Amino acid sequence: KPFRCPLLLREIQKHTTGTKFADKIDAALDMITCIAIHIDNVKRIQELESKEIIGWQSQPGWQPLADFGTLHLEGSFKVNGTDGRYLFLFDDLLLITKMSRDGKYHYKNHLLSTNITFDKPPDPKKLHFELKEYDKTNKKNKPLQIHAASEEECTKWVTEIRKCMLRHLGVALAENTKEYLIKGTSGEMFNKFNDIIE
């Protein structure tokens, strides 16, 4: 059982430190931990599918949520000044919903990771970031202003969204360049990131 294995391997790890088996035990623990996380992720997506996000299936190009890859983050935000928005970030999708008191999710908006960009350099200290659908033909495309509850939460989401965006580039980048683009906060970095996306 994947959920018991990490506990057993950690116990074995305590008694094999410094031995010839240590590297193999470490590798096995990493692998089984990844499997357990993946199982949790699949279960959560299945739970969302079973609850049904009201209004999602009527959207053009609708697909089951499992088709959008791994669910990386979820959480409550204020979007465009409105409280009570609940966001889900998948590999290929940012889904914006409203959660009602009975625990049901109501579709409000969505952006595809293949087609989003930051409208301004994100500033986690101000607890918000702005995203918009990338469209060269529509310069007046209004951004979504997303306000987080803390600087840590804002940084976490900006970082993960950038990772999702970079996965779709199809451009080979050095690891140090990726790190710079994902975690950088300067205006110069922001311009370079958008240049690559465009």
Protein backbone atom coordinates (compact mmCIF):
# COMPACT_ATOMS: atom_id res chain seq x y z
CA LYS A 1 0.00 0.00 0.00
CA PRO A 2 1.64 3.27 -1.14
CA PHE A 3 0.57 5.23 1.94
CA ARG A 4 2.19 2.75 4.35
CA CYS A 5 5.39 2.34 2.35
CA PRO A 6 6.84 5.81 3.08
CA LEU A 7 6.48 5.19 6.82
CA LEU A 8 8.19 1.80 6.55
CA LEU A 9 10.96 3.17 4.34
CA ARG A 10 11.62 6.09 6.69
CA GLU A 11 11.99 3.60 9.54
CA ILE A 12 14.44 1.54 7.47
CA GLN A 13 16.23 4.75 6.47
CA LYS A 14 17.03 5.48 10.12
CA HIS A 15 18.90 2.20 10.41
CA THR A 16 20.74 2.27 7.07
CA THR A 17 22.32 5.74 7.14
CA GLY A 18 25.94 5.48 6.07
CA THR A 19 25.56 1.96 4.71
CA LYS A 20 25.80 0.76 1.11
CA PHE A 21 21.99 0.53 1.04
CA ALA A 22 21.39 4.19 1.95
CA ASP A 23 21.20 5.56 -1.62
CA LYS A 24 18.79 2.83 -2.74
CA ILE A 25 16.54 3.40 0.27
CA ASP A 26 16.55 7.18 -0.38
CA ALA A 27 15.66 6.63 -4.05
CA ALA A 28 12.87 4.19 -3.15
CA LEU A 29 11.45 6.65 -0.61
CA ASP A 30 11.45 9.47 -3.17
CA MET A 31 9.71 7.26 -5.73
CA ILE A 32 7.01 5.94 -3.41
CA THR A 33 6.37 9.45 -2.04
CA CYS A 34 5.79 10.70 -5.61
CA ILE A 35 3.38 7.82 -6.22
CA ALA A 36 1.45 8.64 -3.03
CA ILE A 37 1.21 12.32 -4.02
CA HIS A 38 -0.01 11.34 -7.49
CA ILE A 39 -2.69 9.06 -5.99
CA ASP A 40 -3.86 11.92 -3.74
CA ASN A 41 -4.01 14.22 -6.77
CA VAL A 42 -6.06 11.77 -8.84
CA LYS A 43 -8.47 11.25 -5.93
CA ARG A 44 -8.94 15.02 -5.52
CA ILE A 45 -9.66 15.50 -9.24
CA GLN A 46 -12.13 12.59 -9.15
CA GLU A 47 -13.81 14.21 -6.15
CA LEU A 48 -14.17 17.49 -8.07
CA GLU A 49 -15.56 15.65 -11.09
CA SER A 50 -18.10 13.81 -8.94
CA LYS A 51 -19.27 17.02 -7.24
CA GLU A 52 -19.46 18.70 -10.65
CA ILE A 53 -18.48 22.33 -11.10
CA ILE A 54 -21.81 23.89 -11.98
CA GLY A 55 -21.66 25.67 -15.34
CA TRP A 56 -18.30 24.20 -16.39
CA GLN A 57 -19.70 21.58 -18.75
CA SER A 58 -21.61 24.21 -20.72
CA GLN A 59 -18.41 26.10 -21.65
CA PRO A 60 -17.10 25.97 -25.25
CA GLY A 61 -14.34 23.38 -25.53
CA TRP A 62 -15.32 21.75 -22.24
CA GLN A 63 -13.20 18.78 -21.18
CA PRO A 64 -13.08 16.63 -18.03
CA LEU A 65 -10.75 18.19 -15.45
CA ALA A 66 -8.48 15.13 -15.56
CA ASP A 67 -7.60 16.12 -19.15
CA PHE A 68 -5.89 19.29 -17.88
CA GLY A 69 -3.11 17.45 -16.05
CA THR A 70 -1.95 17.61 -12.46
CA LEU A 71 -3.79 19.78 -9.93
CA HIS A 72 -0.98 21.85 -8.41
CA LEU A 73 -2.76 24.37 -6.17
CA GLU A 74 -6.19 25.39 -4.96
CA GLY A 75 -7.30 28.17 -2.67
CA SER A 76 -9.53 31.17 -1.87
CA PHE A 77 -8.86 34.60 -3.36
CA LYS A 78 -10.45 37.96 -4.09
CA VAL A 79 -10.75 38.33 -7.88
CA ASN A 80 -11.46 41.75 -9.43
CA GLY A 81 -12.56 43.00 -6.03
CA THR A 82 -14.98 40.13 -5.37
CA ASP A 83 -14.39 37.92 -2.32
CA GLY A 84 -15.12 34.21 -2.15
CA ARG A 85 -13.52 33.05 -5.37
CA TYR A 86 -11.97 29.59 -5.26
CA LEU A 87 -9.17 28.88 -7.74
CA PHE A 88 -7.78 25.60 -9.08
CA LEU A 89 -4.44 25.54 -10.92
CA PHE A 90 -3.86 22.56 -13.21
CA ASP A 91 -0.99 21.99 -15.65
CA ASP A 92 -3.07 23.43 -18.48
CA LEU A 93 -5.84 25.36 -16.75
CA LEU A 94 -6.56 28.06 -14.19
CA LEU A 95 -10.17 27.53 -13.14
CA ILE A 96 -12.01 30.23 -11.19
CA THR A 97 -15.10 29.23 -9.25
CA LYS A 98 -17.35 30.39 -6.44
CA MET A 99 -17.90 27.94 -3.61
CA SER A 100 -21.39 28.06 -2.14
CA ARG A 101 -22.23 27.30 1.48
CA ASP A 102 -23.31 23.78 0.58
CA GLY A 103 -19.78 23.05 -0.71
CA LYS A 104 -20.66 23.16 -4.41
CA TYR A 105 -18.45 24.96 -6.91
CA HIS A 106 -19.94 27.34 -9.50
CA TYR A 107 -17.95 28.16 -12.63
CA LYS A 108 -16.96 31.82 -13.04
CA ASN A 109 -14.04 31.98 -15.45
CA HIS A 110 -11.01 30.12 -16.73
CA LEU A 111 -7.69 30.72 -18.46
CA LEU A 112 -5.56 28.16 -20.29
CA SER A 113 -1.89 27.94 -19.31
CA THR A 114 -1.03 27.96 -23.02
CA ASN A 115 -2.66 31.34 -23.43
CA ILE A 116 -2.06 33.48 -20.33
CA THR A 117 0.41 36.15 -19.38
CA PHE A 118 1.04 38.46 -16.44
CA ASP A 119 -0.29 41.93 -17.17
CA LYS A 120 2.18 43.66 -14.82
CA PRO A 121 5.25 42.55 -12.87
CA PRO A 122 3.81 40.57 -9.91
CA ASP A 123 4.54 42.15 -6.52
CA PRO A 124 3.87 39.59 -3.75
CA LYS A 125 4.47 42.29 -1.11
CA LYS A 126 1.29 43.98 -2.37
CA LEU A 127 -0.48 40.60 -2.12
CA HIS A 128 -1.77 40.57 -5.68
CA PHE A 129 -0.95 39.72 -9.28
CA GLU A 130 -2.71 40.32 -12.60
CA LEU A 131 -3.27 37.74 -15.32
CA LYS A 132 -4.85 38.07 -18.72
CA GLU A 133 -5.52 36.03 -21.80
CA TYR A 134 -2.76 36.59 -24.31
CA ASP A 135 -4.20 37.98 -27.52
CA LYS A 136 -2.17 40.14 -29.91
CA THR A 137 -5.35 41.25 -31.65
CA ASN A 138 -7.04 42.48 -28.46
CA LYS A 139 -4.82 44.92 -26.60
CA LYS A 140 -7.77 45.99 -24.41
CA ASN A 141 -8.24 42.49 -23.02
CA LYS A 142 -9.04 43.14 -19.35
CA PRO A 143 -6.78 41.46 -16.79
CA LEU A 144 -7.92 39.47 -13.77
CA GLN A 145 -6.72 41.06 -10.54
CA ILE A 146 -6.10 38.28 -8.05
CA HIS A 147 -5.57 39.21 -4.39
CA ALA A 148 -4.04 36.72 -1.97
CA ALA A 149 -4.32 36.58 1.82
CA SER A 150 -0.55 36.62 2.39
CA GLU A 151 2.76 37.36 0.67
CA GLU A 152 3.72 33.69 0.97
CA GLU A 153 0.50 32.56 -0.75
CA CYS A 154 0.93 35.13 -3.51
CA THR A 155 4.56 34.09 -4.16
CA LYS A 156 3.60 30.40 -4.23
CA TRP A 157 0.90 30.94 -6.85
CA VAL A 158 2.96 33.27 -9.05
CA THR A 159 5.82 30.75 -9.02
CA GLU A 160 3.59 27.79 -9.90
CA ILE A 161 1.73 29.70 -12.64
CA ARG A 162 5.05 30.64 -14.24
CA LYS A 163 6.12 26.98 -14.17
CA CYS A 164 2.90 26.00 -15.95
CA MET A 165 3.42 28.70 -18.55
CA LEU A 166 7.02 27.67 -19.24
CA ARG A 167 6.06 24.00 -19.70
CA HIS A 168 4.16 24.98 -22.84
CA LEU A 169 6.87 27.04 -24.50
CA GLY A 170 8.52 24.25 -26.44
CA VAL A 171 11.81 26.15 -26.02
CA ALA A 172 14.91 24.62 -24.45
CA LEU A 173 16.09 26.80 -21.56
CA ALA A 174 19.05 26.34 -19.24
CA GLU A 175 18.06 25.46 -15.66
CA ASN A 176 19.50 28.71 -14.27
CA THR A 177 17.48 30.68 -16.86
CA LYS A 178 14.30 28.82 -15.85
CA GLU A 179 15.01 29.53 -12.18
CA TYR A 180 15.51 33.23 -12.96
CA LEU A 181 12.28 33.45 -14.96
CA ILE A 182 10.25 31.55 -12.37
CA LYS A 183 11.46 33.31 -9.22
CA GLY A 184 12.65 36.71 -10.43
CA THR A 185 10.75 39.84 -9.43
CA SER A 186 12.43 42.67 -11.33
CA GLY A 187 10.82 44.60 -14.16
CA GLU A 188 13.64 43.48 -16.46
CA MET A 189 12.88 39.82 -15.67
CA PHE A 190 9.18 40.44 -16.30
CA ASN A 191 9.95 41.86 -19.76
CA LYS A 192 12.23 38.92 -20.61
CA PHE A 193 9.57 36.44 -19.49
CA ASN A 194 6.92 38.09 -21.67
CA ASP A 195 9.31 38.26 -24.63
CA ILE A 196 9.81 34.49 -24.41
CA ILE A 197 6.08 33.81 -24.01
CA GLU A 198 5.27 35.98 -27.02
